[in-house]
């Protein structure tokens, strides 16, 4: 594949742009008095500059590609809140333009929605996420300094390759239901569905797939601060155009506890195992688990998390991933804030294979934001990324990426 072939604006590109703009137009048409009825509308416009000294994380220094370009990021978030229900819908359009390397130009579209309803002793929520973007961005697993819900916001599905140019479309649907049985016990059920589709040019390299995971849990409160957790899980993974097509079924269980150290700090520990059976024979059992610490104050947030799981892959098979996330953000004063984060993972193919999924990844991110006014801000964002495919190519690659953003938040409620 010629990496320097100029990518034309095809029907899919136009469809992605239209989806983002249509969503924004619909939200912009909401009348101002809607806020009085429980509705709110929060648009954000960002423009920026980007430089990256190794955009494809190539391990050969003589083949590294440096990018310098312009960015535009348009987000519109619509929310509705009532005593029992919450609704949120947020379309986003991210445009990248590199005049010297136009094959890396992209117009990525992201859509997210959430609906939550609460009854006296139960609750239900459903979330939907759609994104259409270049596959080179999917493998980077960027540090998310703004995450409040790591179970939803930190994605672990393996769907991209930094060395490839082309598009990927992904749907994620998450739904959960919880029922309080008594003052001390409750049950819950959750289902997660992931659908991934690639450009035809990736045939033989990446394969379309569907992944469904079902979780059933029981929670018992030993005290006001401490709860025990038992979780059973099952999955069905199917690749669509692998040769041969593969279907993998799995089941597992975890047990642990969640403890509130204070009103602002919480720790959760889960340990267990997951067994995967392939339809063409063979099975394997892997230990899985999670250790998480979260602290949230008025001016500071801290998240530390280790997770081991069996996750989906665009290579027609599952992988085992050990991942670590560490995020810290702080409001320095009324005008300045800063954040520092680390995301690291190690992937291994499930079973015997020398595939490219076998790798180590580390990203360190630092961010500084200066608010000129309640609605205007500038942001400096630096990311150091390291990717090591030692078992496949024997070498690693790294990149330094710097973004400078200027943001406009017309409905910001930030005080002077």
Protein backbone atom coordinates (compact mmCIF):
# COMPACT_ATOMS: atom_id res chain seq x y z
CA UNK A 1 0.00 0.00 0.00
CA UNK A 2 1.32 3.43 -0.94
CA UNK A 3 1.18 5.54 2.21
CA UNK A 4 1.52 8.79 0.26
CA UNK A 5 -1.48 8.39 -2.04
CA UNK A 6 -3.74 11.43 -1.68
CA UNK A 7 -6.98 10.48 -0.01
CA UNK A 8 -9.94 11.75 -2.03
CA UNK A 9 -13.12 13.04 -0.42
CA UNK A 10 -15.43 10.12 -1.16
CA UNK A 11 -19.05 9.49 -0.29
CA UNK A 12 -18.17 8.22 3.17
CA UNK A 13 -16.26 11.42 3.99
CA UNK A 14 -19.17 13.56 2.88
CA UNK A 15 -21.56 11.42 4.88
CA UNK A 16 -19.48 11.88 8.03
CA UNK A 17 -19.33 15.66 7.59
CA UNK A 18 -23.06 15.83 6.93
CA UNK A 19 -23.83 13.80 10.05
CA UNK A 20 -21.81 16.11 12.28
CA UNK A 21 -23.16 19.32 10.76
CA UNK A 22 -26.74 18.07 10.74
CA UNK A 23 -26.54 17.18 14.41
CA UNK A 24 -25.12 20.60 15.25
CA UNK A 25 -27.78 22.35 13.18
CA UNK A 26 -30.58 20.53 14.96
CA UNK A 27 -29.21 21.50 18.34
CA UNK A 28 -28.64 25.11 17.31
CA UNK A 29 -32.35 25.37 16.47
CA UNK A 30 -33.38 24.81 20.11
CA UNK A 31 -35.14 27.95 21.37
CA UNK A 32 -33.46 29.89 24.23
CA UNK A 33 -36.43 29.40 26.55
CA UNK A 34 -35.85 25.62 26.43
CA UNK A 35 -33.46 26.01 29.35
CA UNK A 36 -36.36 27.02 31.52
CA UNK A 37 -37.94 23.64 30.78
CA UNK A 38 -34.92 21.65 31.99
CA UNK A 39 -32.98 21.79 28.71
CA UNK A 40 -29.49 23.19 28.22
CA UNK A 41 -27.36 23.68 25.12
CA UNK A 42 -23.56 23.95 25.27
CA UNK A 43 -21.66 24.49 22.01
CA UNK A 44 -17.86 24.56 21.97
CA UNK A 45 -15.70 25.75 19.07
CA UNK A 46 -11.97 25.03 19.08
CA UNK A 47 -9.28 25.81 16.51
CA UNK A 48 -5.67 24.79 16.85
CA UNK A 49 -2.26 23.89 15.52
CA UNK A 50 -0.64 20.46 15.67
CA UNK A 51 2.90 19.15 15.22
CA UNK A 52 3.91 15.48 15.47
CA UNK A 53 7.45 14.26 14.74
CA UNK A 54 6.43 10.62 14.08
CA UNK A 55 2.77 10.48 13.12
CA UNK A 56 2.72 6.73 12.35
CA UNK A 57 5.08 5.68 15.16
CA UNK A 58 7.45 4.14 12.63
CA UNK A 59 10.39 2.28 14.19
CA UNK A 60 12.69 3.25 11.27
CA UNK A 61 13.96 6.79 11.74
CA UNK A 62 14.53 7.22 8.01
CA UNK A 63 10.82 6.58 7.35
CA UNK A 64 9.36 8.78 10.08
CA UNK A 65 6.67 11.19 8.88
CA UNK A 66 6.40 14.58 10.58
CA UNK A 67 3.08 16.39 10.47
CA UNK A 68 2.26 20.06 10.89
CA UNK A 69 -1.27 21.22 10.38
CA UNK A 70 -4.45 22.99 11.41
CA UNK A 71 -7.25 21.57 13.54
CA UNK A 72 -10.91 22.47 14.01
CA UNK A 73 -13.08 20.85 16.67
CA UNK A 74 -16.84 21.56 16.85
CA UNK A 75 -18.92 20.12 19.69
CA UNK A 76 -22.55 20.74 20.60
CA UNK A 77 -24.00 19.17 23.75
CA UNK A 78 -27.72 19.12 24.47
CA UNK A 79 -28.90 18.05 27.94
CA UNK A 80 -32.22 17.53 29.67
CA UNK A 81 -32.50 16.99 33.41
CA UNK A 82 -35.54 16.29 35.54
CA UNK A 83 -36.22 14.71 38.90
CA UNK A 84 -36.18 11.17 37.48
CA UNK A 85 -34.67 11.38 33.98
CA UNK A 86 -31.49 12.63 32.29
CA UNK A 87 -30.80 12.87 28.57
CA UNK A 88 -27.69 14.00 26.71
CA UNK A 89 -26.80 14.15 23.03
CA UNK A 90 -23.46 15.44 21.71
CA UNK A 91 -22.32 15.48 18.05
CA UNK A 92 -18.70 16.35 17.35
CA UNK A 93 -16.75 17.09 14.17
CA UNK A 94 -12.93 17.05 14.26
CA UNK A 95 -11.15 18.27 11.12
CA UNK A 96 -7.42 17.75 10.56
CA UNK A 97 -5.62 19.45 7.66
CA UNK A 98 -1.93 18.94 6.80
CA UNK A 99 -0.91 20.87 3.70
CA UNK A 100 2.39 18.99 3.24
CA UNK A 101 0.92 15.51 3.85
CA UNK A 102 -2.68 15.68 2.53
CA UNK A 103 -3.15 11.89 2.75
CA UNK A 104 -3.39 12.35 6.53
CA UNK A 105 -6.22 14.91 6.26
CA UNK A 106 -9.37 13.72 7.99
CA UNK A 107 -12.85 14.82 8.98
CA UNK A 108 -13.71 12.60 11.93
CA UNK A 109 -17.26 12.43 13.28
CA UNK A 110 -18.25 11.43 16.82
CA UNK A 111 -21.77 11.09 18.20
CA UNK A 112 -22.68 10.23 21.78
CA UNK A 113 -25.98 9.99 23.61
CA UNK A 114 -27.18 8.98 27.07
CA UNK A 115 -30.59 8.36 28.58
CA UNK A 116 -31.06 7.55 32.28
CA UNK A 117 -34.27 7.02 34.26
CA UNK A 118 -34.69 6.40 37.98
CA UNK A 119 -37.56 4.81 39.86
CA UNK A 120 -37.91 4.47 43.61
CA UNK A 121 -35.89 1.23 43.86
CA UNK A 122 -34.40 0.79 40.40
CA UNK A 123 -32.72 2.61 37.55
CA UNK A 124 -32.11 2.12 33.81
CA UNK A 125 -29.68 3.76 31.42
CA UNK A 126 -28.63 3.33 27.82
CA UNK A 127 -25.71 4.98 26.01
CA UNK A 128 -24.80 5.00 22.32
CA UNK A 129 -21.48 6.06 20.81
CA UNK A 130 -20.60 6.36 17.13
CA UNK A 131 -17.26 7.39 15.69
CA UNK A 132 -15.82 7.48 12.20
CA UNK A 133 -12.11 8.24 12.07
CA UNK A 134 -8.75 7.20 10.68
CA UNK A 135 -7.52 3.86 12.01
CA UNK A 136 -4.08 5.36 12.76
CA UNK A 137 -5.65 7.28 15.64
CA UNK A 138 -7.46 4.29 17.15
CA UNK A 139 -4.34 2.42 18.32
CA UNK A 140 -2.86 5.35 20.25
CA UNK A 141 -5.23 5.02 23.24
CA UNK A 142 -4.86 8.69 24.18
CA UNK A 143 -4.89 9.70 27.83
CA UNK A 144 -8.33 11.12 28.70
CA UNK A 145 -7.81 13.72 31.41
CA UNK A 146 -11.51 14.60 31.58
CA UNK A 147 -12.97 11.16 32.23
CA UNK A 148 -15.46 10.79 35.07
CA UNK A 149 -16.52 7.22 34.28
CA UNK A 150 -13.58 4.96 33.35
CA UNK A 151 -15.92 2.02 32.63
CA UNK A 152 -17.52 4.01 29.80
CA UNK A 153 -14.94 6.60 28.73
CA UNK A 154 -11.80 4.42 28.59
CA UNK A 155 -12.22 2.10 25.61
CA UNK A 156 -10.10 -1.03 25.28
CA UNK A 157 -11.24 -2.60 22.03
CA UNK A 158 -8.36 -3.17 19.61
CA UNK A 159 -9.43 -1.61 16.32
CA UNK A 160 -6.60 0.30 14.65
CA UNK A 161 -3.06 0.40 13.27
CA UNK A 162 -0.95 3.56 13.38
CA UNK A 163 0.86 2.52 10.18
CA UNK A 164 -2.28 2.43 8.03
CA UNK A 165 -4.23 5.18 6.30
CA UNK A 166 -7.96 4.71 5.92
CA UNK A 167 -11.20 4.88 7.84
CA UNK A 168 -12.99 2.88 10.49
CA UNK A 169 -16.58 3.14 11.69
CA UNK A 170 -17.51 1.95 15.17
CA UNK A 171 -20.74 1.70 17.16
CA UNK A 172 -20.80 1.09 20.92
CA UNK A 173 -24.09 0.49 22.72
CA UNK A 174 -24.13 0.15 26.51
CA UNK A 175 -27.20 -0.49 28.62
CA UNK A 176 -27.60 -1.32 32.30
CA UNK A 177 -30.38 -1.93 34.80
CA UNK A 178 -30.15 -1.95 38.59
CA UNK A 179 -32.68 -3.12 41.18
CA UNK A 180 -32.50 -2.50 44.92
CA UNK A 181 -33.64 -5.66 46.70
CA UNK A 182 -33.32 -4.37 50.26
CA UNK A 183 -31.49 -1.70 52.21
CA UNK A 184 -28.26 -3.71 51.91
CA UNK A 185 -28.44 -5.68 48.66
CA UNK A 186 -29.02 -5.02 44.96
CA UNK A 187 -28.65 -6.75 41.60
CA UNK A 188 -27.71 -5.30 38.22
CA UNK A 189 -27.36 -6.37 34.61
CA UNK A 190 -25.40 -4.70 31.81
CA UNK A 191 -24.88 -5.39 28.12
CA UNK A 192 -22.22 -3.92 25.85
CA UNK A 193 -22.33 -4.26 22.07
CA UNK A 194 -19.49 -3.17 19.78
CA UNK A 195 -19.75 -3.12 15.97
CA UNK A 196 -16.66 -2.21 13.91
CA UNK A 197 -16.41 -1.80 10.13
CA UNK A 198 -13.32 -0.95 8.04
CA UNK A 199 -12.58 0.35 4.56
CA UNK A 200 -12.23 -2.40 1.97
CA UNK A 201 -8.55 -1.46 1.51
CA UNK A 202 -7.79 -3.15 4.84
CA UNK A 203 -8.91 -6.58 3.68
CA UNK A 204 -6.42 -9.11 5.05
CA UNK A 205 -5.09 -6.61 7.61
CA UNK A 206 -8.17 -5.68 9.65
CA UNK A 207 -11.50 -7.49 9.78
CA UNK A 208 -15.02 -6.29 10.58
CA UNK A 209 -16.36 -7.71 13.82
CA UNK A 210 -19.19 -7.73 16.35
CA UNK A 211 -18.62 -8.19 20.07
CA UNK A 212 -21.37 -8.65 22.68
CA UNK A 213 -20.69 -8.84 26.42
CA UNK A 214 -23.24 -9.45 29.18
CA UNK A 215 -22.55 -8.80 32.88
CA UNK A 216 -24.70 -9.87 35.83
CA UNK A 217 -23.81 -8.56 39.27
CA UNK A 218 -24.82 -8.76 42.93
CA UNK A 219 -23.84 -6.16 45.53
CA UNK A 220 -24.16 -6.39 49.31
CA UNK A 221 -23.50 -3.47 51.65
CA UNK A 222 -21.64 -4.61 54.74
CA UNK A 223 -21.65 -1.04 56.04
CA UNK A 224 -22.33 2.49 54.91
CA UNK A 225 -18.88 2.66 53.32
CA UNK A 226 -18.10 -0.95 52.23
CA UNK A 227 -19.85 -3.20 49.70
CA UNK A 228 -19.06 -6.67 48.42
CA UNK A 229 -19.40 -7.38 44.69
CA UNK A 230 -19.92 -10.61 42.71
CA UNK A 231 -19.90 -10.37 38.92
CA UNK A 232 -20.57 -12.99 36.22
CA UNK A 233 -19.78 -12.23 32.58
CA UNK A 234 -20.30 -13.80 29.16
CA UNK A 235 -19.36 -12.76 25.61
CA UNK A 236 -19.80 -13.61 21.96
CA UNK A 237 -17.22 -12.35 19.44
CA UNK A 238 -17.60 -12.82 15.67
CA UNK A 239 -15.29 -11.59 12.92
CA UNK A 240 -17.04 -10.96 9.62
CA UNK A 241 -14.45 -11.30 6.86
CA UNK A 242 -11.54 -13.16 8.45
CA UNK A 243 -10.26 -16.22 6.60
CA UNK A 244 -11.66 -18.36 8.02
CA UNK A 245 -14.38 -16.47 9.88
CA UNK A 246 -14.05 -16.95 13.61
CA UNK A 247 -16.52 -17.05 16.48
CA UNK A 248 -15.29 -16.97 20.06
CA UNK A 249 -17.45 -17.48 23.14
CA UNK A 250 -16.33 -16.71 26.67
CA UNK A 251 -17.54 -16.70 30.24
CA UNK A 252 -16.03 -15.63 33.54
CA UNK A 253 -16.54 -14.37 37.08
CA UNK A 254 -15.06 -11.79 39.43
CA UNK A 255 -15.50 -10.96 43.10
CA UNK A 256 -14.27 -8.10 45.24
CA UNK A 257 -15.27 -5.01 47.16
CA UNK A 258 -15.79 -1.26 46.92
CA UNK A 259 -14.90 0.97 49.86
CA UNK A 260 -15.40 4.70 50.42
CA UNK A 261 -12.29 5.97 52.17
CA UNK A 262 -14.03 9.32 52.64
CA UNK A 263 -16.79 11.38 51.06
CA UNK A 264 -14.39 12.20 48.20
CA UNK A 265 -12.31 9.01 47.81
CA UNK A 266 -13.22 5.49 46.71
CA UNK A 267 -11.29 2.28 46.07
CA UNK A 268 -12.50 -0.82 44.16
CA UNK A 269 -10.85 -4.23 43.87
CA UNK A 270 -12.11 -7.09 41.66
CA UNK A 271 -10.35 -10.40 40.91
CA UNK A 272 -11.43 -13.38 38.81
CA UNK A 273 -10.89 -15.41 35.65
CA UNK A 274 -12.35 -15.66 32.12
CA UNK A 275 -12.44 -18.76 29.92
CA UNK A 276 -12.71 -18.49 26.12
CA UNK A 277 -13.90 -21.36 23.89
CA UNK A 278 -13.44 -21.23 20.12
CA UNK A 279 -16.01 -22.86 17.83
CA UNK A 280 -13.22 -24.65 15.95
CA UNK A 281 -11.93 -26.22 19.16
CA UNK A 282 -9.55 -25.24 21.94
CA UNK A 283 -10.02 -23.10 25.03
CA UNK A 284 -7.95 -20.95 27.36
CA UNK A 285 -8.48 -19.40 30.80
CA UNK A 286 -6.94 -16.08 31.78
CA UNK A 287 -6.91 -14.22 35.13
CA UNK A 288 -8.75 -10.89 34.98
CA UNK A 289 -9.34 -8.11 37.46
CA UNK A 290 -9.31 -4.44 38.37
CA UNK A 291 -7.87 -2.19 41.07
CA UNK A 292 -9.09 1.41 41.03
CA UNK A 293 -8.71 4.47 43.24
CA UNK A 294 -10.66 7.64 42.57
CA UNK A 295 -10.63 10.97 44.43
CA UNK A 296 -12.71 13.99 43.48
CA UNK A 297 -12.52 17.36 45.18
CA UNK A 298 -13.86 20.76 44.17
CA UNK A 299 -10.59 21.78 42.50
CA UNK A 300 -8.83 18.43 41.96
CA UNK A 301 -9.51 15.01 40.44
CA UNK A 302 -7.34 11.90 40.68
CA UNK A 303 -7.85 8.52 39.02
CA UNK A 304 -5.53 5.51 39.31
CA UNK A 305 -6.57 2.23 37.70
CA UNK A 306 -5.06 -1.13 36.80
CA UNK A 307 -7.11 -3.54 34.69
CA UNK A 308 -6.54 -6.94 33.11
CA UNK A 309 -9.17 -8.13 30.65
CA UNK A 310 -9.85 -10.17 27.53
CA UNK A 311 -10.84 -7.69 24.82
CA UNK A 312 -11.97 -7.59 21.21
CA UNK A 313 -9.67 -7.12 18.23
CA UNK A 314 -9.84 -6.13 14.57
CA UNK A 315 -7.53 -9.00 13.67
CA UNK A 316 -10.16 -11.75 13.90
CA UNK A 317 -9.20 -12.85 17.41
CA UNK A 318 -9.27 -11.73 21.04
CA UNK A 319 -6.36 -10.28 23.01
CA UNK A 320 -5.33 -10.14 26.66
CA UNK A 321 -4.58 -6.63 27.87
CA UNK A 322 -2.89 -5.35 31.03
CA UNK A 323 -3.48 -1.60 31.28
CA UNK A 324 -2.66 1.19 33.71
CA UNK A 325 -4.29 4.64 33.78
CA UNK A 326 -3.20 7.51 36.03
CA UNK A 327 -4.84 10.92 35.66
CA UNK A 328 -4.58 14.05 37.80
CA UNK A 329 -6.17 17.45 37.11
CA UNK A 330 -6.19 20.56 39.25
CA UNK A 331 -7.65 24.06 39.14
CA UNK A 332 -4.65 26.25 39.97
CA UNK A 333 -6.77 29.38 40.32
CA UNK A 334 -9.82 30.95 38.70
CA UNK A 335 -8.01 31.34 35.37
CA UNK A 336 -5.54 28.46 35.16
CA UNK A 337 -5.77 24.67 35.34
CA UNK A 338 -3.34 21.83 34.65
CA UNK A 339 -3.47 18.10 34.07
CA UNK A 340 -1.02 15.20 33.91
CA UNK A 341 -1.78 11.64 32.84
CA UNK A 342 -0.19 8.30 31.94
CA UNK A 343 -1.77 5.51 29.90
CA UNK A 344 0.12 2.25 29.45
CA UNK A 345 -0.90 -1.18 28.24
CA UNK A 346 0.54 -4.49 27.13
CA UNK A 347 -1.36 -6.60 24.60
CA UNK A 348 -0.89 -10.29 23.84
CA UNK A 349 -2.97 -12.35 21.38
CA UNK A 350 -5.14 -14.96 23.03
CA UNK A 351 -3.44 -18.24 22.11
CA UNK A 352 -0.28 -18.81 20.12
CA UNK A 353 0.40 -16.06 17.58
CA UNK A 354 3.11 -13.60 16.52
CA UNK A 355 0.54 -11.02 15.42
CA UNK A 356 0.98 -7.26 15.67
CA UNK A 357 -1.35 -7.24 18.69
CA UNK A 358 1.69 -8.33 20.73
CA UNK A 359 3.02 -4.95 21.85
CA UNK A 360 3.64 -2.46 24.64
CA UNK A 361 2.27 1.07 24.63
CA UNK A 362 2.92 4.10 26.85
CA UNK A 363 1.62 7.65 26.57
CA UNK A 364 2.40 10.58 28.87
CA UNK A 365 0.22 13.66 28.52
CA UNK A 366 0.55 17.13 30.04
CA UNK A 367 -1.99 19.92 29.61
CA UNK A 368 -2.13 23.55 30.72
CA UNK A 369 -5.22 25.73 30.22
CA UNK A 370 -5.48 29.49 30.61
CA UNK A 371 -8.93 31.11 30.65
CA UNK A 372 -8.88 34.63 29.22
CA UNK A 373 -12.54 35.04 30.18
CA UNK A 374 -15.46 32.78 31.14
CA UNK A 375 -15.97 31.89 27.46
CA UNK A 376 -12.44 32.07 25.94
CA UNK A 377 -9.42 29.92 26.73
CA UNK A 378 -6.08 28.73 25.34
CA UNK A 379 -4.72 25.24 25.89
CA UNK A 380 -1.23 23.75 25.54
CA UNK A 381 -1.33 19.96 25.12
CA UNK A 382 1.80 17.75 24.93
CA UNK A 383 1.85 13.97 24.41
CA UNK A 384 4.84 11.64 24.39
CA UNK A 385 3.93 8.24 22.93
CA UNK A 386 5.97 5.03 22.88
CA UNK A 387 5.01 1.88 20.95
CA UNK A 388 7.14 -1.26 21.14
CA UNK A 389 6.45 -4.28 18.91
CA UNK A 390 9.50 -6.12 20.21
CA UNK A 391 8.36 -9.64 19.40
CA UNK A 392 7.52 -8.71 15.79
CA UNK A 393 10.02 -6.10 14.59
CA UNK A 394 12.52 -6.05 17.46
CA UNK A 395 12.35 -2.28 17.91
CA UNK A 396 10.15 0.44 19.34
CA UNK A 397 9.02 3.86 18.13
CA UNK A 398 8.17 7.12 19.85
CA UNK A 399 6.65 10.46 18.97
CA UNK A 400 6.29 13.96 20.40
CA UNK A 401 2.95 15.58 19.65
CA UNK A 402 2.11 19.19 20.55
CA UNK A 403 -1.29 20.81 20.13
CA UNK A 404 -2.12 24.46 20.77
CA UNK A 405 -5.85 25.10 21.06
CA UNK A 406 -7.98 28.24 21.25
CA UNK A 407 -11.49 27.56 22.55
CA UNK A 408 -14.78 29.45 22.64
CA UNK A 409 -17.46 28.34 25.14
CA UNK A 410 -20.34 30.81 24.69
CA UNK A 411 -22.50 29.24 27.41
CA UNK A 412 -19.77 28.64 29.96
CA UNK A 413 -20.83 29.09 33.57
CA UNK A 414 -17.26 29.63 34.73
CA UNK A 415 -17.02 32.71 36.95
CA UNK A 416 -14.43 35.42 36.55
